[in-house]
Amino acid sequence: MNTAELKRFILSIEIKALEKVLVDGESESKFVKLIRDRIENLKREGRWIHQFDDGMRETRARIADLVIRSAVAADIDSVRDIYRHASLTNKADHDLIAAHPEWLVWDDSLLPFVHVAVSQGRVVGFATARPVDDFLELEDLFIDPECMRQGVASALIAVIASRGMRIEVSANHARAFYESAGFVVVGSVSSNGGSLLRMRLDAAGA
């Protein structure tokens, strides 16, 4: 999926979510008019992107001076954007996400458990590792699509693993990556999006 296609898909998700509000909402009002105007603006933006689709090129950021640190409140907008864009990189999930646009909204309450990867002052990825009993549950691992496959995810996992606790994750399309990072499959679990692999990375020396 190129940049233009990704942007158009994000617009379509927002349009569907707003149209659902209109269907479920009350009769014509000032609020409803604002929603209709927003929908029309999004549709115009989609048409504009389509006109220049052929001229848009995939870009990949060069990862330099990568720093992993705990997230702060000022990182929330960047984390939200990465979560939304990275969630849409797998075409196999598009129909499911289109049916559940609320899945593209990141849970801000997880901020205390987040590490962000920063390059040249810009957040390029993040991971959420929440303590559960005697292990860490890897809730999120998302990388800016322009910075994927450049070692960011591995760096985040390495920092989390350095805490000396077992890490567990429920994964779908990323089995190869997790196995390359040392995770092993220990079973499967059910989710709203289907069956997921349950994977584990033991603490060093365990």
N, C-alpha and C. Protein backbone atom coordinates (compact mmCIF):
# COMPACT_ATOMS: atom_id res chain seq x y z
N MET A 1 0.85 -1.19 0.00
CA MET A 1 0.00 0.00 0.00
C MET A 1 0.88 1.24 0.00
N ASN A 2 0.71 2.13 -1.02
CA ASN A 2 1.53 3.33 -1.03
C ASN A 2 0.92 4.40 -0.13
N THR A 3 1.61 5.53 -0.03
CA THR A 3 1.19 6.58 0.89
C THR A 3 -0.19 7.11 0.57
N ALA A 4 -0.48 7.32 -0.72
CA ALA A 4 -1.78 7.85 -1.11
C ALA A 4 -2.90 6.87 -0.75
N GLU A 5 -2.69 5.59 -1.03
CA GLU A 5 -3.71 4.59 -0.71
C GLU A 5 -3.98 4.55 0.79
N LEU A 6 -2.91 4.62 1.60
CA LEU A 6 -3.07 4.60 3.05
C LEU A 6 -3.87 5.81 3.52
N LYS A 7 -3.57 6.99 2.99
CA LYS A 7 -4.28 8.19 3.40
C LYS A 7 -5.75 8.11 3.00
N ARG A 8 -6.03 7.61 1.80
CA ARG A 8 -7.42 7.47 1.37
C ARG A 8 -8.17 6.50 2.26
N PHE A 9 -7.51 5.41 2.66
CA PHE A 9 -8.19 4.43 3.51
C PHE A 9 -8.51 5.02 4.88
N ILE A 10 -7.57 5.80 5.44
CA ILE A 10 -7.81 6.45 6.73
C ILE A 10 -9.01 7.40 6.61
N LEU A 11 -9.08 8.15 5.50
CA LEU A 11 -10.21 9.05 5.28
C LEU A 11 -11.51 8.28 5.22
N SER A 12 -11.51 7.12 4.53
CA SER A 12 -12.74 6.34 4.40
C SER A 12 -13.21 5.82 5.74
N ILE A 13 -12.26 5.45 6.62
CA ILE A 13 -12.63 4.98 7.96
C ILE A 13 -13.31 6.10 8.74
N GLU A 14 -12.74 7.31 8.67
CA GLU A 14 -13.32 8.44 9.41
C GLU A 14 -14.70 8.78 8.86
N ILE A 15 -14.85 8.72 7.53
CA ILE A 15 -16.15 9.01 6.92
C ILE A 15 -17.20 8.01 7.38
N LYS A 16 -16.84 6.73 7.40
CA LYS A 16 -17.80 5.70 7.84
C LYS A 16 -18.20 5.90 9.30
N ALA A 17 -17.23 6.27 10.13
CA ALA A 17 -17.53 6.50 11.55
C ALA A 17 -18.49 7.68 11.71
N LEU A 18 -18.26 8.75 10.93
CA LEU A 18 -19.15 9.91 11.02
C LEU A 18 -20.53 9.60 10.46
N GLU A 19 -20.59 8.83 9.38
CA GLU A 19 -21.88 8.46 8.81
C GLU A 19 -22.68 7.61 9.78
N LYS A 20 -21.99 6.79 10.57
CA LYS A 20 -22.67 5.98 11.58
C LYS A 20 -23.30 6.88 12.64
N VAL A 21 -22.62 7.96 13.00
CA VAL A 21 -23.18 8.91 13.97
C VAL A 21 -24.46 9.52 13.42
N LEU A 22 -24.46 9.83 12.11
CA LEU A 22 -25.67 10.41 11.50
C LEU A 22 -26.82 9.42 11.52
N VAL A 23 -26.52 8.17 11.22
CA VAL A 23 -27.57 7.14 11.20
C VAL A 23 -28.16 6.96 12.59
N ASP A 24 -27.27 6.94 13.60
CA ASP A 24 -27.72 6.70 14.97
C ASP A 24 -28.21 7.97 15.67
N GLY A 25 -27.97 9.12 15.05
CA GLY A 25 -28.24 10.38 15.73
C GLY A 25 -29.67 10.87 15.56
N GLU A 26 -29.88 12.08 16.06
CA GLU A 26 -31.20 12.67 16.02
C GLU A 26 -31.42 13.36 14.69
N SER A 27 -32.59 14.01 14.55
CA SER A 27 -32.91 14.71 13.31
C SER A 27 -31.98 15.91 13.13
N GLU A 28 -32.18 16.62 12.02
CA GLU A 28 -31.29 17.71 11.63
C GLU A 28 -31.10 18.72 12.76
N SER A 29 -29.84 19.08 13.03
CA SER A 29 -29.50 20.05 14.06
C SER A 29 -28.19 20.70 13.65
N LYS A 30 -27.74 21.68 14.44
CA LYS A 30 -26.47 22.33 14.15
C LYS A 30 -25.33 21.33 14.22
N PHE A 31 -25.40 20.41 15.20
CA PHE A 31 -24.37 19.38 15.34
C PHE A 31 -24.34 18.46 14.12
N VAL A 32 -25.51 18.04 13.66
CA VAL A 32 -25.60 17.17 12.50
C VAL A 32 -25.05 17.87 11.26
N LYS A 33 -25.36 19.17 11.13
CA LYS A 33 -24.85 19.93 9.99
C LYS A 33 -23.32 19.97 10.01
N LEU A 34 -22.72 20.14 11.19
CA LEU A 34 -21.26 20.15 11.30
C LEU A 34 -20.68 18.81 10.85
N ILE A 35 -21.34 17.72 11.22
CA ILE A 35 -20.86 16.40 10.82
C ILE A 35 -20.95 16.25 9.31
N ARG A 36 -22.09 16.68 8.72
CA ARG A 36 -22.24 16.57 7.26
C ARG A 36 -21.17 17.38 6.54
N ASP A 37 -20.89 18.56 7.05
CA ASP A 37 -19.84 19.40 6.44
C ASP A 37 -18.48 18.72 6.55
N ARG A 38 -18.20 18.09 7.69
CA ARG A 38 -16.93 17.38 7.87
C ARG A 38 -16.81 16.23 6.89
N ILE A 39 -17.90 15.50 6.69
CA ILE A 39 -17.89 14.38 5.75
C ILE A 39 -17.58 14.87 4.33
N GLU A 40 -18.21 15.98 3.94
CA GLU A 40 -17.97 16.52 2.60
C GLU A 40 -16.52 16.98 2.44
N ASN A 41 -15.96 17.57 3.48
CA ASN A 41 -14.56 18.00 3.43
C ASN A 41 -13.62 16.81 3.28
N LEU A 42 -13.92 15.72 4.00
CA LEU A 42 -13.10 14.51 3.91
C LEU A 42 -13.19 13.90 2.52
N LYS A 43 -14.38 13.91 1.93
CA LYS A 43 -14.55 13.37 0.57
C LYS A 43 -13.77 14.19 -0.44
N ARG A 44 -13.79 15.53 -0.27
CA ARG A 44 -13.02 16.38 -1.17
C ARG A 44 -11.53 16.12 -1.03
N GLU A 45 -11.08 15.92 0.20
CA GLU A 45 -9.66 15.62 0.43
C GLU A 45 -9.27 14.31 -0.24
N GLY A 46 -10.17 13.31 -0.16
CA GLY A 46 -9.92 12.03 -0.81
C GLY A 46 -9.79 12.17 -2.32
N ARG A 47 -10.66 12.99 -2.91
CA ARG A 47 -10.60 13.21 -4.37
C ARG A 47 -9.31 13.94 -4.74
N TRP A 48 -8.89 14.88 -3.90
CA TRP A 48 -7.66 15.61 -4.17
C TRP A 48 -6.46 14.67 -4.15
N ILE A 49 -6.40 13.79 -3.15
CA ILE A 49 -5.31 12.82 -3.05
C ILE A 49 -5.28 11.93 -4.28
N HIS A 50 -6.45 11.51 -4.75
CA HIS A 50 -6.53 10.62 -5.91
C HIS A 50 -5.93 11.29 -7.15
N GLN A 51 -6.15 12.60 -7.31
CA GLN A 51 -5.63 13.31 -8.47
C GLN A 51 -4.11 13.25 -8.54
N PHE A 52 -3.46 13.23 -7.38
CA PHE A 52 -2.00 13.28 -7.33
C PHE A 52 -1.38 11.94 -6.95
N ASP A 53 -2.19 10.88 -7.02
CA ASP A 53 -1.73 9.56 -6.60
C ASP A 53 -0.47 9.13 -7.33
N ASP A 54 -0.44 9.30 -8.63
CA ASP A 54 0.70 8.84 -9.42
C ASP A 54 1.99 9.57 -9.07
N GLY A 55 1.84 10.79 -8.55
CA GLY A 55 3.03 11.57 -8.25
C GLY A 55 3.57 11.34 -6.86
N MET A 56 2.83 10.58 -6.03
CA MET A 56 3.28 10.36 -4.66
C MET A 56 4.16 9.13 -4.60
N ARG A 57 5.24 9.21 -3.89
CA ARG A 57 6.22 8.14 -3.82
C ARG A 57 6.37 7.67 -2.38
N GLU A 58 6.66 6.40 -2.24
CA GLU A 58 6.95 5.86 -0.91
C GLU A 58 8.25 6.49 -0.39
N THR A 59 8.22 6.91 0.86
CA THR A 59 9.43 7.45 1.47
C THR A 59 9.77 6.64 2.71
N ARG A 60 11.02 6.49 2.99
CA ARG A 60 11.46 5.75 4.15
C ARG A 60 12.46 6.60 4.92
N ALA A 61 12.15 6.84 6.18
CA ALA A 61 13.04 7.66 7.00
C ALA A 61 14.33 6.91 7.28
N ARG A 62 15.40 7.63 7.38
CA ARG A 62 16.67 7.04 7.76
C ARG A 62 16.79 7.10 9.27
N ILE A 63 16.90 5.93 9.91
CA ILE A 63 16.97 5.89 11.37
C ILE A 63 18.37 6.27 11.82
N ALA A 64 18.45 7.33 12.59
CA ALA A 64 19.75 7.79 13.09
C ALA A 64 19.60 8.20 14.55
N ASP A 65 20.64 7.90 15.34
CA ASP A 65 20.66 8.32 16.75
C ASP A 65 19.39 7.88 17.48
N LEU A 66 19.01 6.62 17.32
CA LEU A 66 17.78 6.12 17.93
C LEU A 66 17.90 6.08 19.45
N VAL A 67 16.92 6.66 20.12
CA VAL A 67 16.87 6.69 21.59
C VAL A 67 15.56 6.05 22.04
N ILE A 68 15.63 5.15 23.01
CA ILE A 68 14.43 4.56 23.60
C ILE A 68 14.25 5.16 24.99
N ARG A 69 13.08 5.70 25.27
CA ARG A 69 12.82 6.31 26.58
C ARG A 69 11.37 6.07 26.97
N SER A 70 11.07 6.32 28.25
CA SER A 70 9.69 6.24 28.71
C SER A 70 8.87 7.36 28.07
N ALA A 71 7.62 7.06 27.74
CA ALA A 71 6.76 8.05 27.11
C ALA A 71 6.30 9.09 28.13
N VAL A 72 6.02 10.29 27.62
CA VAL A 72 5.47 11.36 28.45
C VAL A 72 4.20 11.87 27.77
N ALA A 73 3.45 12.70 28.48
CA ALA A 73 2.16 13.17 27.96
C ALA A 73 2.29 13.84 26.59
N ALA A 74 3.42 14.52 26.36
CA ALA A 74 3.61 15.21 25.08
C ALA A 74 3.75 14.26 23.90
N ASP A 75 3.95 12.96 24.19
CA ASP A 75 4.09 11.97 23.11
C ASP A 75 2.76 11.40 22.64
N ILE A 76 1.67 11.70 23.34
CA ILE A 76 0.40 11.02 23.07
C ILE A 76 -0.05 11.18 21.62
N ASP A 77 0.01 12.39 21.08
CA ASP A 77 -0.45 12.59 19.70
C ASP A 77 0.38 11.77 18.71
N SER A 78 1.69 11.71 18.91
CA SER A 78 2.55 10.92 18.03
C SER A 78 2.22 9.43 18.15
N VAL A 79 2.01 8.97 19.37
CA VAL A 79 1.67 7.56 19.59
C VAL A 79 0.34 7.23 18.93
N ARG A 80 -0.64 8.11 19.07
CA ARG A 80 -1.94 7.88 18.43
C ARG A 80 -1.79 7.77 16.91
N ASP A 81 -1.02 8.68 16.32
CA ASP A 81 -0.85 8.68 14.86
C ASP A 81 -0.16 7.40 14.39
N ILE A 82 0.90 6.99 15.08
CA ILE A 82 1.61 5.78 14.70
C ILE A 82 0.71 4.56 14.85
N TYR A 83 -0.03 4.51 15.93
CA TYR A 83 -0.96 3.39 16.16
C TYR A 83 -1.96 3.27 15.01
N ARG A 84 -2.55 4.40 14.62
CA ARG A 84 -3.56 4.39 13.56
C ARG A 84 -2.95 4.00 12.21
N HIS A 85 -1.84 4.63 11.85
CA HIS A 85 -1.24 4.36 10.54
C HIS A 85 -0.67 2.94 10.46
N ALA A 86 0.03 2.51 11.50
CA ALA A 86 0.62 1.17 11.47
C ALA A 86 -0.45 0.09 11.47
N SER A 87 -1.58 0.35 12.13
CA SER A 87 -2.66 -0.63 12.16
C SER A 87 -3.25 -0.89 10.78
N LEU A 88 -3.06 0.04 9.87
CA LEU A 88 -3.65 -0.07 8.53
C LEU A 88 -2.68 -0.61 7.49
N THR A 89 -1.48 -0.99 7.90
CA THR A 89 -0.50 -1.46 6.91
C THR A 89 -0.78 -2.87 6.42
N ASN A 90 -1.57 -3.64 7.15
CA ASN A 90 -1.89 -5.01 6.73
C ASN A 90 -3.25 -5.01 6.03
N LYS A 91 -3.25 -5.23 4.72
CA LYS A 91 -4.49 -5.19 3.94
C LYS A 91 -5.51 -6.23 4.41
N ALA A 92 -5.03 -7.34 4.95
CA ALA A 92 -5.93 -8.40 5.39
C ALA A 92 -6.86 -7.94 6.51
N ASP A 93 -6.46 -6.87 7.22
CA ASP A 93 -7.27 -6.38 8.34
C ASP A 93 -8.24 -5.28 7.94
N HIS A 94 -8.19 -4.81 6.71
CA HIS A 94 -8.95 -3.62 6.33
C HIS A 94 -10.45 -3.78 6.50
N ASP A 95 -11.02 -4.90 6.07
CA ASP A 95 -12.46 -5.10 6.19
C ASP A 95 -12.89 -5.10 7.65
N LEU A 96 -12.08 -5.76 8.49
CA LEU A 96 -12.39 -5.84 9.91
C LEU A 96 -12.32 -4.47 10.57
N ILE A 97 -11.29 -3.69 10.22
CA ILE A 97 -11.14 -2.36 10.79
C ILE A 97 -12.24 -1.43 10.29
N ALA A 98 -12.63 -1.59 9.01
CA ALA A 98 -13.72 -0.77 8.46
C ALA A 98 -15.01 -1.00 9.22
N ALA A 99 -15.20 -2.23 9.70
CA ALA A 99 -16.41 -2.56 10.47
C ALA A 99 -16.31 -2.09 11.92
N HIS A 100 -15.07 -1.87 12.38
CA HIS A 100 -14.85 -1.44 13.77
C HIS A 100 -13.86 -0.28 13.80
N PRO A 101 -14.23 0.90 13.31
CA PRO A 101 -13.29 2.04 13.28
C PRO A 101 -12.81 2.45 14.66
N GLU A 102 -13.56 2.08 15.69
CA GLU A 102 -13.14 2.42 17.05
C GLU A 102 -11.85 1.71 17.44
N TRP A 103 -11.49 0.64 16.72
CA TRP A 103 -10.25 -0.08 17.02
C TRP A 103 -9.02 0.75 16.67
N LEU A 104 -9.21 1.82 15.92
CA LEU A 104 -8.08 2.68 15.55
C LEU A 104 -7.79 3.75 16.59
N VAL A 105 -8.53 3.73 17.69
CA VAL A 105 -8.33 4.71 18.76
C VAL A 105 -7.48 4.08 19.86
N TRP A 106 -6.29 4.65 20.07
CA TRP A 106 -5.38 4.10 21.07
C TRP A 106 -5.84 4.45 22.48
N ASP A 107 -5.65 3.55 23.43
CA ASP A 107 -6.07 3.72 24.81
C ASP A 107 -5.03 4.54 25.58
N ASP A 108 -5.33 5.81 25.84
CA ASP A 108 -4.39 6.71 26.51
C ASP A 108 -4.03 6.26 27.92
N SER A 109 -4.88 5.44 28.54
CA SER A 109 -4.59 5.02 29.91
C SER A 109 -3.35 4.13 30.00
N LEU A 110 -2.87 3.64 28.85
CA LEU A 110 -1.68 2.79 28.83
C LEU A 110 -0.38 3.59 28.84
N LEU A 111 -0.46 4.92 28.79
CA LEU A 111 0.74 5.75 28.68
C LEU A 111 1.82 5.43 29.72
N PRO A 112 1.48 5.14 31.00
CA PRO A 112 2.54 4.86 31.98
C PRO A 112 3.38 3.63 31.65
N PHE A 113 2.89 2.77 30.77
CA PHE A 113 3.60 1.53 30.44
C PHE A 113 4.29 1.57 29.07
N VAL A 114 4.36 2.77 28.48
CA VAL A 114 4.85 2.91 27.11
C VAL A 114 6.31 3.36 27.07
N HIS A 115 7.07 2.73 26.16
CA HIS A 115 8.39 3.22 25.76
C HIS A 115 8.27 3.72 24.32
N VAL A 116 8.89 4.84 24.02
CA VAL A 116 8.90 5.36 22.66
C VAL A 116 10.31 5.31 22.09
N ALA A 117 10.37 5.11 20.78
CA ALA A 117 11.64 5.16 20.06
C ALA A 117 11.69 6.52 19.36
N VAL A 118 12.75 7.27 19.60
CA VAL A 118 12.86 8.63 19.08
C VAL A 118 14.10 8.74 18.20
N SER A 119 13.92 9.32 17.03
CA SER A 119 15.04 9.56 16.12
C SER A 119 15.02 11.01 15.69
N GLN A 120 16.10 11.73 15.96
CA GLN A 120 16.22 13.14 15.57
C GLN A 120 15.02 13.95 16.06
N GLY A 121 14.59 13.68 17.29
CA GLY A 121 13.51 14.44 17.90
C GLY A 121 12.11 14.00 17.53
N ARG A 122 12.00 12.97 16.70
CA ARG A 122 10.68 12.52 16.25
C ARG A 122 10.40 11.10 16.76
N VAL A 123 9.20 10.88 17.31
CA VAL A 123 8.80 9.54 17.74
C VAL A 123 8.52 8.69 16.50
N VAL A 124 9.23 7.56 16.38
CA VAL A 124 9.09 6.71 15.20
C VAL A 124 8.53 5.33 15.54
N GLY A 125 8.25 5.09 16.81
CA GLY A 125 7.67 3.81 17.20
C GLY A 125 7.43 3.78 18.69
N PHE A 126 6.63 2.80 19.13
CA PHE A 126 6.40 2.69 20.57
C PHE A 126 6.01 1.26 20.92
N ALA A 127 6.21 0.92 22.18
CA ALA A 127 5.83 -0.39 22.70
C ALA A 127 5.20 -0.20 24.07
N THR A 128 4.16 -0.96 24.34
CA THR A 128 3.48 -0.92 25.64
C THR A 128 3.68 -2.26 26.33
N ALA A 129 4.32 -2.26 27.48
CA ALA A 129 4.57 -3.49 28.25
C ALA A 129 3.97 -3.32 29.64
N ARG A 130 2.85 -3.99 29.89
CA ARG A 130 2.11 -3.83 31.14
C ARG A 130 2.39 -4.99 32.09
N PRO A 131 2.76 -4.71 33.33
CA PRO A 131 3.01 -5.80 34.29
C PRO A 131 1.74 -6.59 34.59
N VAL A 132 1.84 -7.92 34.48
CA VAL A 132 0.74 -8.82 34.82
C VAL A 132 1.34 -9.97 35.63
N ASP A 133 1.00 -10.05 36.93
CA ASP A 133 1.58 -11.08 37.79
C ASP A 133 3.11 -11.00 37.74
N ASP A 134 3.74 -12.10 37.24
CA ASP A 134 5.21 -12.13 37.23
C ASP A 134 5.80 -11.94 35.84
N PHE A 135 5.03 -11.36 34.91
CA PHE A 135 5.56 -11.15 33.56
C PHE A 135 5.05 -9.82 33.01
N LEU A 136 5.57 -9.44 31.84
CA LEU A 136 5.14 -8.23 31.15
C LEU A 136 4.29 -8.61 29.95
N GLU A 137 3.10 -8.04 29.86
CA GLU A 137 2.24 -8.27 28.70
C GLU A 137 2.53 -7.19 27.66
N LEU A 138 3.00 -7.60 26.47
CA LEU A 138 3.29 -6.66 25.40
C LEU A 138 1.96 -6.33 24.69
N GLU A 139 1.38 -5.20 25.09
CA GLU A 139 0.07 -4.80 24.55
C GLU A 139 0.20 -4.22 23.14
N ASP A 140 1.23 -3.42 22.93
CA ASP A 140 1.41 -2.72 21.65
C ASP A 140 2.87 -2.80 21.21
N LEU A 141 3.06 -2.90 19.91
CA LEU A 141 4.38 -2.72 19.30
C LEU A 141 4.12 -2.19 17.90
N PHE A 142 4.20 -0.88 17.75
CA PHE A 142 3.85 -0.24 16.49
C PHE A 142 4.96 0.71 16.05
N ILE A 143 5.26 0.65 14.76
CA ILE A 143 6.33 1.46 14.18
C ILE A 143 5.75 2.32 13.07
N ASP A 144 6.21 3.55 12.98
CA ASP A 144 5.84 4.41 11.86
C ASP A 144 6.09 3.64 10.55
N PRO A 145 5.08 3.52 9.67
CA PRO A 145 5.26 2.75 8.43
C PRO A 145 6.48 3.16 7.61
N GLU A 146 6.88 4.42 7.71
CA GLU A 146 8.05 4.87 6.97
C GLU A 146 9.36 4.38 7.58
N CYS A 147 9.30 3.85 8.79
CA CYS A 147 10.50 3.44 9.50
C CYS A 147 10.53 1.95 9.82
N MET A 148 9.63 1.19 9.21
CA MET A 148 9.57 -0.24 9.49
C MET A 148 10.79 -0.95 8.90
N ARG A 149 11.12 -2.10 9.48
CA ARG A 149 12.21 -2.96 9.02
C ARG A 149 13.57 -2.24 9.06
N GLN A 150 13.72 -1.38 10.05
CA GLN A 150 15.00 -0.69 10.22
C GLN A 150 15.50 -0.81 11.66
N GLY A 151 15.04 -1.84 12.36
CA GLY A 151 15.57 -2.14 13.68
C GLY A 151 14.90 -1.45 14.85
N VAL A 152 13.85 -0.65 14.58
CA VAL A 152 13.19 0.08 15.67
C VAL A 152 12.47 -0.88 16.62
N ALA A 153 11.70 -1.81 16.06
CA ALA A 153 10.96 -2.76 16.89
C ALA A 153 11.90 -3.61 17.73
N SER A 154 12.99 -4.06 17.13
CA SER A 154 13.97 -4.88 17.86
C SER A 154 14.58 -4.09 19.01
N ALA A 155 14.85 -2.80 18.79
CA ALA A 155 15.43 -1.96 19.84
C ALA A 155 14.46 -1.80 21.00
N LEU A 156 13.18 -1.65 20.70
CA LEU A 156 12.17 -1.52 21.74
C LEU A 156 12.07 -2.81 22.56
N ILE A 157 12.06 -3.95 21.87
CA ILE A 157 11.99 -5.24 22.57
C ILE A 157 13.21 -5.42 23.47
N ALA A 158 14.38 -5.05 22.97
CA ALA A 158 15.61 -5.22 23.75
C ALA A 158 15.57 -4.42 25.04
N VAL A 159 15.05 -3.19 24.98
CA VAL A 159 14.97 -2.36 26.19
C VAL A 159 13.97 -2.95 27.18
N ILE A 160 12.84 -3.42 26.70
CA ILE A 160 11.85 -4.02 27.58
C ILE A 160 12.40 -5.31 28.20
N ALA A 161 13.08 -6.11 27.39
CA ALA A 161 13.66 -7.37 27.90
C ALA A 161 14.72 -7.12 28.95
N SER A 162 15.37 -5.96 28.89
CA SER A 162 16.44 -5.65 29.85
C SER A 162 15.91 -5.48 31.28
N ARG A 163 14.60 -5.44 31.43
CA ARG A 163 14.02 -5.33 32.77
C ARG A 163 14.07 -6.68 33.50
N GLY A 164 14.45 -7.73 32.78
CA GLY A 164 14.65 -9.02 33.43
C GLY A 164 13.39 -9.80 33.74
N MET A 165 12.28 -9.47 33.07
CA MET A 165 11.03 -10.20 33.27
C MET A 165 10.61 -10.90 31.99
N ARG A 166 9.90 -11.99 32.14
CA ARG A 166 9.36 -12.69 30.97
C ARG A 166 8.38 -11.77 30.24
N ILE A 167 8.39 -11.83 28.91
CA ILE A 167 7.48 -11.03 28.10
C ILE A 167 6.54 -11.97 27.36
N GLU A 168 5.26 -11.67 27.38
CA GLU A 168 4.28 -12.45 26.63
C GLU A 168 3.50 -11.53 25.71
N VAL A 169 3.04 -12.09 24.57
CA VAL A 169 2.31 -11.28 23.60
C VAL A 169 1.32 -12.17 22.85
N SER A 170 0.20 -11.59 22.48
CA SER A 170 -0.75 -12.26 21.58
C SER A 170 -0.56 -11.64 20.21
N ALA A 171 -0.05 -12.40 19.27
CA ALA A 171 0.36 -11.87 17.96
C ALA A 171 -0.49 -12.43 16.84
N ASN A 172 -0.59 -11.68 15.75
CA ASN A 172 -1.31 -12.17 14.59
C ASN A 172 -0.40 -12.32 13.38
N HIS A 173 -0.02 -11.20 12.75
CA HIS A 173 0.73 -11.28 11.50
C HIS A 173 2.24 -11.14 11.69
N ALA A 174 2.70 -11.04 12.92
CA ALA A 174 4.12 -10.73 13.15
C ALA A 174 4.90 -11.91 13.71
N ARG A 175 4.47 -13.13 13.45
CA ARG A 175 5.14 -14.30 14.03
C ARG A 175 6.63 -14.33 13.69
N ALA A 176 6.95 -14.08 12.43
CA ALA A 176 8.35 -14.17 12.00
C ALA A 176 9.22 -13.18 12.77
N PHE A 177 8.71 -11.97 12.96
CA PHE A 177 9.50 -10.97 13.70
C PHE A 177 9.71 -11.44 15.14
N TYR A 178 8.64 -11.85 15.81
CA TYR A 178 8.77 -12.23 17.21
C TYR A 178 9.71 -13.43 17.37
N GLU A 179 9.63 -14.38 16.45
CA GLU A 179 10.54 -15.52 16.54
C GLU A 179 11.98 -15.07 16.34
N SER A 180 12.21 -14.10 15.46
CA SER A 180 13.57 -13.60 15.25
C SER A 180 14.09 -12.87 16.49
N ALA A 181 13.15 -12.36 17.31
CA ALA A 181 13.52 -11.66 18.55
C ALA A 181 13.65 -12.61 19.73
N GLY A 182 13.41 -13.92 19.49
CA GLY A 182 13.59 -14.90 20.55
C GLY A 182 12.30 -15.43 21.18
N PHE A 183 11.16 -14.96 20.73
CA PHE A 183 9.89 -15.45 21.26
C PHE A 183 9.60 -16.85 20.73
N VAL A 184 8.86 -17.63 21.51
CA VAL A 184 8.42 -18.95 21.09
C VAL A 184 6.90 -19.04 21.24
N VAL A 185 6.27 -19.83 20.39
CA VAL A 185 4.83 -20.01 20.46
C VAL A 185 4.50 -20.97 21.61
N VAL A 186 3.56 -20.56 22.46
CA VAL A 186 3.18 -21.41 23.60
C VAL A 186 1.70 -21.77 23.58
N GLY A 187 0.97 -21.31 22.57
CA GLY A 187 -0.44 -21.64 22.47
C GLY A 187 -1.17 -20.65 21.59
N SER A 188 -2.48 -20.56 21.75
CA SER A 188 -3.28 -19.62 20.99
C SER A 188 -4.42 -19.11 21.86
N VAL A 189 -4.95 -17.94 21.50
CA VAL A 189 -6.06 -17.34 22.23
C VAL A 189 -7.05 -16.77 21.23
N SER A 190 -8.29 -16.60 21.66
CA SER A 190 -9.32 -16.02 20.82
C SER A 190 -9.43 -14.52 21.10
N SER A 191 -9.78 -13.76 20.07
CA SER A 191 -9.98 -12.32 20.22
C SER A 191 -11.12 -11.90 19.31
N ASN A 192 -11.54 -10.63 19.43
CA ASN A 192 -12.60 -10.12 18.55
C ASN A 192 -12.19 -10.17 17.09
N GLY A 193 -10.89 -10.13 16.83
CA GLY A 193 -10.40 -10.16 15.46
C GLY A 193 -10.04 -11.54 14.97
N GLY A 194 -10.29 -12.58 15.77
CA GLY A 194 -9.96 -13.94 15.37
C GLY A 194 -8.94 -14.58 16.31
N SER A 195 -8.42 -15.71 15.90
CA SER A 195 -7.46 -16.44 16.72
C SER A 195 -6.07 -15.80 16.63
N LEU A 196 -5.39 -15.71 17.79
CA LEU A 196 -4.06 -15.14 17.86
C LEU A 196 -3.09 -16.14 18.46
N LEU A 197 -1.83 -16.07 18.05
CA LEU A 197 -0.80 -16.90 18.64
C LEU A 197 -0.39 -16.30 19.99
N ARG A 198 -0.19 -17.15 20.98
CA ARG A 198 0.35 -16.69 22.25
C ARG A 198 1.82 -17.01 22.24
N MET A 199 2.67 -15.96 22.42
CA MET A 199 4.11 -16.14 22.33
C MET A 199 4.78 -15.62 23.59
N ARG A 200 6.00 -16.14 23.86
CA ARG A 200 6.69 -15.80 25.10
C ARG A 200 8.19 -15.64 24.87
N LEU A 201 8.76 -14.65 25.55
CA LEU A 201 10.21 -14.45 25.56
C LEU A 201 10.64 -14.53 27.01
N ASP A 202 11.38 -15.59 27.35
CA ASP A 202 11.82 -15.76 28.74
C ASP A 202 12.88 -14.74 29.11
N ALA A 203 12.91 -14.39 30.38
CA ALA A 203 13.93 -13.46 30.87
C ALA A 203 15.30 -14.07 30.72
N ALA A 204 16.30 -13.25 30.50
CA ALA A 204 17.67 -13.73 30.36
C ALA A 204 18.07 -14.52 31.60
N GLY A 205 18.60 -15.71 31.37
CA GLY A 205 19.06 -16.55 32.47
C GLY A 205 17.98 -17.43 33.07
N ALA A 206 16.70 -17.26 32.57
CA ALA A 206 15.61 -18.07 33.13
C ALA A 206 15.64 -19.49 32.60
